C-alpha atoms as a PDB file:
ATOM      1  CA  MET A   1     138.449  19.182 -78.560  1.00  0.00           C
ATOM      2  CA  PHE A   2     136.624  16.464 -76.963  1.00  0.00           C
ATOM      3  CA  THR A   3     135.511  17.504 -74.106  1.00  0.00           C
ATOM      4  CA  ARG A   4     133.672  20.330 -76.164  1.00  0.00           C
ATOM      5  CA  ASP A   5     132.088  18.010 -78.489  1.00  0.00           C
ATOM      6  CA  THR A   6     131.239  15.997 -75.103  1.00  0.00           C
ATOM      7  CA  HIS A   7     129.279  18.743 -73.613  1.00  0.00           C
ATOM      8  CA  ARG A   8     127.827  19.524 -76.882  1.00  0.00           C
ATOM      9  CA  SER A   9     126.042  15.925 -76.698  1.00  0.00           C
ATOM     10  CA  ARG A  10     125.458  15.980 -73.417  1.00  0.00           C
ATOM     11  CA  SER A  11     123.639  19.522 -74.152  1.00  0.00           C
ATOM     12  CA  THR A  12     122.045  18.119 -77.428  1.00  0.00           C
ATOM     13  CA  ARG A  13     120.296  15.131 -75.262  1.00  0.00           C
ATOM     14  CA  SER A  14     119.189  17.663 -72.463  1.00  0.00           C
ATOM     15  CA  GLY A  15     117.485  19.620 -75.344  1.00  0.00           C
ATOM     16  CA  LEU A  16     116.148  16.390 -76.532  1.00  0.00           C
ATOM     17  CA  ALA A  17     114.997  15.541 -73.160  1.00  0.00           C
ATOM     18  CA  VAL A  18     113.192  18.711 -72.907  1.00  0.00           C
ATOM     19  CA  LEU A  19     111.871  18.711 -75.763  1.00  0.00           C
ATOM     20  CA  LEU A  20     110.453  15.346 -75.445  1.00  0.00           C
ATOM     21  CA  LEU A  21     108.992  15.975 -72.016  1.00  0.00           C
ATOM     22  CA  ALA A  22     107.300  19.221 -73.729  1.00  0.00           C
ATOM     23  CA  CYS A  23     105.638  17.075 -76.385  1.00  0.00           C
ATOM     24  CA  ALA A  24     104.524  14.974 -73.991  1.00  0.00           C
ATOM     25  CA  THR A  25     102.610  17.642 -72.229  1.00  0.00           C
ATOM     26  CA  ILE A  26     101.469  18.584 -75.669  1.00  0.00           C
ATOM     27  CA  VAL A  27      99.817  15.648 -76.508  1.00  0.00           C
ATOM     28  CA  PRO A  28      96.579  16.129 -75.148  1.00  0.00           C
ATOM     29  CA  ALA A  29      96.307  19.700 -77.353  1.00  0.00           C
ATOM     30  CA  VAL A  30      96.100  17.107 -80.397  1.00  0.00           C
ATOM     31  CA  GLY A  31      92.226  17.096 -81.667  1.00  0.00           C
ATOM     32  CA  GLY A  32      90.414  14.278 -80.105  1.00  0.00           C
ATOM     33  CA  THR A  33      86.745  13.432 -80.473  1.00  0.00           C
ATOM     34  CA  PRO A  34      84.454  13.475 -77.648  1.00  0.00           C
ATOM     35  CA  THR A  35      82.713  10.846 -75.914  1.00  0.00           C
ATOM     36  CA  ALA A  36      79.172  10.523 -76.280  1.00  0.00           C
ATOM     37  CA  ALA A  37      78.348  13.030 -73.173  1.00  0.00           C
ATOM     38  CA  GLN A  38      80.707  15.607 -74.423  1.00  0.00           C
ATOM     39  CA  LYS A  39      78.996  15.604 -77.814  1.00  0.00           C
ATOM     40  CA  ALA A  40      75.663  15.778 -76.072  1.00  0.00           C
ATOM     41  CA  ASP A  41      76.808  18.889 -73.590  1.00  0.00           C
ATOM     42  CA  LEU A  42      78.080  20.209 -75.998  1.00  0.00           C
ATOM     43  CA  LEU A  43      75.443  20.555 -78.434  1.00  0.00           C
ATOM     44  CA  ARG A  44      73.350  21.052 -75.728  1.00  0.00           C
ATOM     45  CA  THR A  45      75.037  24.607 -74.762  1.00  0.00           C
ATOM     46  CA  ARG A  46      75.102  25.502 -78.306  1.00  0.00           C
ATOM     47  CA  GLU A  47      71.892  25.374 -78.622  1.00  0.00           C
ATOM     48  CA  LEU A  48      71.455  27.352 -75.924  1.00  0.00           C
ATOM     49  CA  VAL A  49      73.749  30.127 -76.721  1.00  0.00           C
ATOM     50  CA  TRP A  50      71.315  30.647 -79.731  1.00  0.00           C
ATOM     51  CA  ARG A  51      68.241  30.151 -78.619  1.00  0.00           C
ATOM     52  CA  SER A  52      69.021  32.745 -75.293  1.00  0.00           C
ATOM     53  CA  TRP A  53      70.326  34.931 -77.904  1.00  0.00           C
ATOM     54  CA  PHE A  54      67.099  34.835 -79.519  1.00  0.00           C
ATOM     55  CA  SER A  55      64.831  34.914 -76.845  1.00  0.00           C
ATOM     56  CA  GLY A  56      67.070  38.158 -75.153  1.00  0.00           C
ATOM     57  CA  ASP A  57      68.020  35.783 -71.972  1.00  0.00           C
ATOM     58  CA  GLN A  58      70.407  38.788 -70.854  1.00  0.00           C
ATOM     59  CA  ALA A  59      71.255  36.214 -67.252  1.00  0.00           C
ATOM     60  CA  ARG A  60      71.840  33.051 -69.330  1.00  0.00           C
ATOM     61  CA  LEU A  61      73.536  34.613 -71.979  1.00  0.00           C
ATOM     62  CA  ARG A  62      75.533  36.092 -69.107  1.00  0.00           C
ATOM     63  CA  GLU A  63      76.574  32.878 -68.028  1.00  0.00           C
ATOM     64  CA  ILE A  64      77.693  31.487 -70.816  1.00  0.00           C
ATOM     65  CA  LEU A  65      79.404  34.202 -73.011  1.00  0.00           C
ATOM     66  CA  PRO A  66      82.701  34.877 -70.910  1.00  0.00           C
ATOM     67  CA  GLY A  67      83.597  38.511 -71.148  1.00  0.00           C
ATOM     68  CA  GLU A  68      86.229  37.977 -73.292  1.00  0.00           C
ATOM     69  CA  VAL A  69      83.589  37.253 -75.759  1.00  0.00           C
ATOM     70  CA  LEU A  70      84.090  37.650 -79.438  1.00  0.00           C
ATOM     71  CA  GLY A  71      81.585  37.172 -82.257  1.00  0.00           C
ATOM     72  CA  ILE A  72      81.639  37.445 -86.034  1.00  0.00           C
ATOM     73  CA  ASN A  73      78.441  37.336 -87.610  1.00  0.00           C
ATOM     74  CA  ASN A  74      77.517  36.857 -91.048  1.00  0.00           C
ATOM     75  CA  ALA A  75      77.328  39.846 -93.429  1.00  0.00           C
ATOM     76  CA  GLU A  76      77.957  42.318 -90.873  1.00  0.00           C
ATOM     77  CA  GLU A  77      81.441  44.634 -90.079  1.00  0.00           C
ATOM     78  CA  ASP A  78      81.998  44.971 -86.716  1.00  0.00           C
ATOM     79  CA  TRP A  79      83.288  42.149 -84.488  1.00  0.00           C
ATOM     80  CA  GLN A  80      81.328  42.183 -81.426  1.00  0.00           C
ATOM     81  CA  GLY A  81      81.680  41.579 -77.822  1.00  0.00           C
ATOM     82  CA  LEU A  82      79.792  40.971 -74.799  1.00  0.00           C
ATOM     83  CA  ASP A  83      78.225  44.118 -74.867  1.00  0.00           C
ATOM     84  CA  ALA A  84      77.052  44.317 -78.368  1.00  0.00           C
ATOM     85  CA  ILE A  85      75.973  40.792 -78.315  1.00  0.00           C
ATOM     86  CA  LEU A  86      73.989  41.271 -75.374  1.00  0.00           C
ATOM     87  CA  SER A  87      72.602  44.498 -77.119  1.00  0.00           C
ATOM     88  CA  GLY A  88      71.503  42.489 -80.091  1.00  0.00           C
ATOM     89  CA  ALA A  89      69.729  40.150 -78.095  1.00  0.00           C
ATOM     90  CA  ARG A  90      67.816  42.738 -76.729  1.00  0.00           C
ATOM     91  CA  GLU A  91      66.708  44.778 -79.644  1.00  0.00           C
ATOM     92  CA  PHE A  92      65.739  41.565 -81.575  1.00  0.00           C
ATOM     93  CA  ALA A  93      63.113  40.480 -78.350  1.00  0.00           C
ATOM     94  CA  ALA A  94      62.162  43.933 -77.901  1.00  0.00           C
ATOM     95  CA  ARG A  95      60.782  44.134 -81.564  1.00  0.00           C
ATOM     96  CA  GLY A  96      58.834  41.311 -81.053  1.00  0.00           C
ATOM     97  CA  ARG A  97      60.842  39.023 -82.593  1.00  0.00           C
ATOM     98  CA  ARG A  98      60.802  34.958 -82.235  1.00  0.00           C
ATOM     99  CA  LEU A  99      62.704  31.970 -83.439  1.00  0.00           C
ATOM    100  CA  VAL A 100      60.019  29.758 -85.342  1.00  0.00           C
ATOM    101  CA  ARG A 101      62.977  27.073 -86.777  1.00  0.00           C
ATOM    102  CA  LEU A 102      67.068  26.947 -85.498  1.00  0.00           C
ATOM    103  CA  GLU A 103      68.293  23.628 -86.713  1.00  0.00           C
ATOM    104  CA  PHE A 104      71.790  22.508 -87.547  1.00  0.00           C
ATOM    105  CA  PRO A 105      72.023  19.682 -90.155  1.00  0.00           C
ATOM    106  CA  ARG A 106      75.906  19.185 -89.492  1.00  0.00           C
ATOM    107  CA  THR A 107      78.385  19.664 -87.122  1.00  0.00           C
ATOM    108  CA  GLU A 108      81.897  18.609 -86.769  1.00  0.00           C
ATOM    109  CA  ILE A 109      83.047  18.426 -83.407  1.00  0.00           C
ATOM    110  CA  GLN A 110      87.199  18.773 -82.587  1.00  0.00           C
ATOM    111  CA  LEU A 111      88.017  18.536 -78.903  1.00  0.00           C
ATOM    112  CA  TYR A 112      91.306  19.775 -77.734  1.00  0.00           C
ATOM    113  CA  GLY A 113      91.308  18.799 -73.977  1.00  0.00           C
ATOM    114  CA  ASP A 114      89.255  21.669 -72.334  1.00  0.00           C
ATOM    115  CA  VAL A 115      88.667  23.623 -75.568  1.00  0.00           C
ATOM    116  CA  ALA A 116      85.954  22.366 -78.304  1.00  0.00           C
ATOM    117  CA  VAL A 117      85.754  23.294 -82.192  1.00  0.00           C
ATOM    118  CA  LEU A 118      82.537  23.113 -83.346  1.00  0.00           C
ATOM    119  CA  TYR A 119      82.168  23.179 -87.356  1.00  0.00           C
ATOM    120  CA  SER A 120      78.410  23.511 -88.256  1.00  0.00           C
ATOM    121  CA  LEU A 121      75.924  24.506 -90.844  1.00  0.00           C
ATOM    122  CA  TYR A 122      73.236  26.437 -89.605  1.00  0.00           C
ATOM    123  CA  ALA A 123      69.512  27.579 -90.390  1.00  0.00           C
ATOM    124  CA  PHE A 124      67.108  29.404 -89.077  1.00  0.00           C
ATOM    125  CA  GLU A 125      63.747  31.253 -89.130  1.00  0.00           C
ATOM    126  CA  THR A 126      62.145  33.841 -87.321  1.00  0.00           C
ATOM    127  CA  ASP A 127      59.068  35.575 -87.412  1.00  0.00           C
ATOM    128  CA  GLY A 128      57.445  39.112 -85.977  1.00  0.00           C
ATOM    129  CA  ASP A 129      57.433  42.790 -87.258  1.00  0.00           C
ATOM    130  CA  GLY A 130      58.941  42.060 -90.785  1.00  0.00           C
ATOM    131  CA  GLY A 131      57.085  38.988 -91.275  1.00  0.00           C
ATOM    132  CA  ARG A 132      59.352  35.807 -91.905  1.00  0.00           C
ATOM    133  CA  GLN A 133      62.625  35.142 -92.652  1.00  0.00           C
ATOM    134  CA  THR A 134      65.113  32.791 -93.108  1.00  0.00           C
ATOM    135  CA  ALA A 135      69.006  32.988 -92.641  1.00  0.00           C
ATOM    136  CA  SER A 136      71.015  29.927 -93.332  1.00  0.00           C
ATOM    137  CA  GLY A 137      75.397  29.118 -93.456  1.00  0.00           C
ATOM    138  CA  ARG A 138      78.209  28.186 -91.556  1.00  0.00           C
ATOM    139  CA  ALA A 139      79.403  29.077 -88.042  1.00  0.00           C
ATOM    140  CA  THR A 140      82.709  27.817 -86.326  1.00  0.00           C
ATOM    141  CA  GLU A 141      82.146  28.078 -82.734  1.00  0.00           C
ATOM    142  CA  ILE A 142      84.369  27.444 -79.905  1.00  0.00           C
ATOM    143  CA  PHE A 143      83.626  26.490 -76.194  1.00  0.00           C
ATOM    144  CA  VAL A 144      86.338  26.588 -73.372  1.00  0.00           C
ATOM    145  CA  ARG A 145      85.223  24.110 -70.262  1.00  0.00           C
ATOM    146  CA  ARG A 146      84.958  25.874 -67.181  1.00  0.00           C
ATOM    147  CA  GLY A 147      84.166  23.967 -64.184  1.00  0.00           C
ATOM    148  CA  ASP A 148      81.014  22.119 -64.780  1.00  0.00           C
ATOM    149  CA  GLY A 149      80.201  23.895 -67.798  1.00  0.00           C
ATOM    150  CA  TRP A 150      81.094  24.920 -71.452  1.00  0.00           C
ATOM    151  CA  VAL A 151      81.110  28.450 -72.321  1.00  0.00           C
ATOM    152  CA  ASN A 152      80.990  29.838 -75.599  1.00  0.00           C
ATOM    153  CA  PRO A 153      84.117  32.781 -76.309  1.00  0.00           C
ATOM    154  CA  GLY A 154      83.911  33.084 -80.117  1.00  0.00           C
ATOM    155  CA  TRP A 155      82.165  32.066 -83.287  1.00  0.00           C
ATOM    156  CA  HIS A 156      83.029  32.787 -86.709  1.00  0.00           C
ATOM    157  CA  MET A 157      79.623  32.429 -89.277  1.00  0.00           C
ATOM    158  CA  ASP A 158      79.526  32.954 -92.901  1.00  0.00           C
ATOM    159  CA  SER A 159      76.877  32.917 -95.324  1.00  0.00           C
ATOM    160  CA  GLY A 160      78.523  29.640 -96.961  1.00  0.00           C
ATOM    161  CA  ARG A 161      79.431  31.000-100.518  1.00  0.00           C
END
């Protein structure tokens, strides 16, 4: 009986040691605030994603949107992968539409190691074949550090209503 209890106690201590080691490796996953340089880099990359889409810049979009990208857009039933996103950008530009105004009046950033989550309010105005149109809403965007930069593997947008 004593031997079994001692064995359980050692087993419990070993399990506790493994748990503490696991927790120590998870600590970087706890959300943090980005440095000023990280924040500036993320905001610059986010702006580049949006402006590249509106301009139909296929090469740039392929650089900053990974193959596994998944976009959930406001008022669209289908979720979009890379091909659909590129096609939508190409079609927008081909219709002669252009971005007139792009604003992000509020953005909060949570950083989890090499992953950043941006929560934003957005507003934009376009001009072109149907006259001026405005849109606004909320966006949750994911960015992942790859090499020296950030890529945008996913987002979810809604109207905010």
